[in-house]
Amino acid sequence: MKLRKTDSMFRKLILRRDNFTCQRCGRQYTEDNCRGLHVSHYWGRGRENTRFDFENCIALCYPCHEFHWGHGDERPEYMAFMLKRLGQKKYELLELRAHIAKKRDDKADEIILKELLK
């Protein structure tokens, strides 16, 4: 999947929010050295409605993202983590948003993300 400019902007926001720390194993990175830290989308990036949803994403180090959780919508451990993080009601609302189609709007997303990065 091709990354968009807005993906890079959103990545910065998620990594800052999670204090450059893997949310699974606790490995810490710095803003200057966070190359191995990924943004994991519980519901995959292909779902436009939750692509830039803060409740849908967490920071994961490469090993945790690649070998343990990947995309979480079919991983029981990841699902348990998200249920604990969000609570049942917010998890259900996130799942609902993930299954509702949304038209891609890079210009609007970029405007919003720029404001959030300030």
Protein backbone atom coordinates (compact mmCIF):
# COMPACT_ATOMS: atom_id res chain seq x y z
CA MET A 1 0.00 0.00 0.00
CA LYS A 2 1.38 3.39 -1.00
CA LEU A 3 1.90 5.86 1.82
CA ARG A 4 0.51 9.34 1.45
CA LYS A 5 1.81 12.63 2.84
CA THR A 6 -0.99 12.53 5.38
CA ASP A 7 0.23 9.12 6.60
CA SER A 8 3.57 10.67 7.60
CA MET A 9 1.82 13.52 9.37
CA PHE A 10 -0.48 11.15 11.24
CA ARG A 11 2.48 8.93 12.18
CA LYS A 12 4.14 11.87 13.96
CA LEU A 13 0.99 12.51 15.96
CA ILE A 14 0.59 8.88 17.06
CA LEU A 15 4.27 8.47 18.00
CA ARG A 16 4.16 11.68 20.04
CA ARG A 17 0.92 10.66 21.74
CA ASP A 18 2.44 7.28 22.68
CA ASN A 19 5.67 8.94 23.85
CA PHE A 20 7.75 7.09 21.24
CA THR A 21 7.08 3.84 23.12
CA CYS A 22 5.90 0.45 21.82
CA GLN A 23 2.50 -0.11 23.37
CA ARG A 24 2.99 -3.88 23.48
CA CYS A 25 6.50 -4.45 24.87
CA GLY A 26 7.35 -0.97 26.22
CA ARG A 27 10.52 -0.47 24.15
CA GLN A 28 11.34 3.24 24.09
CA TYR A 29 12.57 5.31 21.18
CA THR A 30 13.38 8.98 20.78
CA GLU A 31 11.95 11.48 18.34
CA ASP A 32 15.34 11.59 16.61
CA ASN A 33 15.69 7.80 16.50
CA CYS A 34 12.29 6.20 15.94
CA ARG A 35 12.85 4.45 12.62
CA GLY A 36 11.93 1.02 14.02
CA LEU A 37 8.72 2.28 15.56
CA HIS A 38 5.61 1.76 13.45
CA VAL A 39 2.05 2.98 13.64
CA SER A 40 -0.22 -0.04 13.80
CA HIS A 41 -3.75 0.33 12.52
CA TYR A 42 -6.03 -2.08 14.37
CA TRP A 43 -8.41 -1.92 11.44
CA GLY A 44 -6.09 -1.74 8.40
CA ARG A 45 -5.12 1.43 6.53
CA GLY A 46 -7.29 0.37 3.60
CA ARG A 47 -10.34 1.35 5.65
CA GLU A 48 -10.48 5.05 4.88
CA ASN A 49 -12.90 5.86 7.68
CA THR A 50 -10.45 4.74 10.39
CA ARG A 51 -7.16 5.40 8.58
CA PHE A 52 -6.55 8.60 10.60
CA ASP A 53 -8.60 7.63 13.66
CA PHE A 54 -6.61 8.08 16.89
CA GLU A 55 -8.54 5.29 18.61
CA ASN A 56 -7.62 2.88 15.80
CA CYS A 57 -3.84 3.35 15.98
CA ILE A 58 -0.98 2.69 18.38
CA ALA A 59 2.81 2.75 18.25
CA LEU A 60 4.40 -0.70 17.93
CA CYS A 61 8.05 -1.59 17.44
CA TYR A 62 8.88 -3.54 14.30
CA PRO A 63 9.01 -7.00 15.98
CA CYS A 64 5.70 -6.49 17.80
CA HIS A 65 4.03 -5.16 14.66
CA GLU A 66 5.48 -7.70 12.23
CA PHE A 67 5.57 -10.89 14.28
CA HIS A 68 3.01 -10.53 17.07
CA TRP A 69 0.07 -8.26 16.34
CA GLY A 70 0.18 -7.00 12.76
CA HIS A 71 -3.30 -5.74 11.98
CA GLY A 72 -5.32 -6.53 15.02
CA ASP A 73 -8.77 -7.19 13.67
CA GLU A 74 -8.09 -10.94 13.72
CA ARG A 75 -5.54 -11.23 16.55
CA PRO A 76 -7.06 -12.20 19.94
CA GLU A 77 -4.25 -10.63 22.03
CA TYR A 78 -4.50 -7.36 20.11
CA MET A 79 -8.27 -7.40 20.42
CA ALA A 80 -8.03 -7.89 24.19
CA PHE A 81 -5.57 -4.96 24.37
CA MET A 82 -7.90 -2.71 22.38
CA LEU A 83 -10.93 -3.69 24.45
CA LYS A 84 -9.02 -2.84 27.63
CA ARG A 85 -7.68 0.41 26.13
CA LEU A 86 -10.99 1.64 24.73
CA GLY A 87 -13.64 -0.15 26.72
CA GLN A 88 -16.44 -2.20 25.16
CA LYS A 89 -18.59 0.72 23.93
CA LYS A 90 -15.74 2.66 22.27
CA TYR A 91 -14.41 -0.58 20.74
CA GLU A 92 -17.82 -1.32 19.23
CA LEU A 93 -18.07 2.23 17.86
CA LEU A 94 -14.58 1.93 16.34
CA GLU A 95 -15.58 -1.36 14.70
CA LEU A 96 -18.71 0.29 13.32
CA ARG A 97 -16.67 3.20 11.90
CA ALA A 98 -14.25 0.72 10.34
CA HIS A 99 -17.08 -0.87 8.38
CA ILE A 100 -18.60 2.35 7.07
CA ALA A 101 -17.29 3.53 3.72
CA LYS A 102 -15.76 6.99 3.50
CA LYS A 103 -14.61 8.83 0.41
CA ARG A 104 -10.91 9.68 0.39
CA ASP A 105 -10.24 13.40 0.89
CA ASP A 106 -6.49 14.05 1.16
CA LYS A 107 -6.87 17.84 1.14
CA ALA A 108 -9.26 17.91 4.09
CA ASP A 109 -7.19 15.32 5.99
CA GLU A 110 -4.02 17.35 5.42
CA ILE A 111 -5.61 20.55 6.72
CA ILE A 112 -6.78 18.81 9.89
CA LEU A 113 -3.48 17.02 10.49
CA LYS A 114 -1.46 20.23 9.97
CA GLU A 115 -3.52 21.93 12.67
CA LEU A 116 -3.04 19.03 15.04
CA LEU A 117 0.73 19.07 14.49
CA LYS A 118 0.99 22.73 15.62
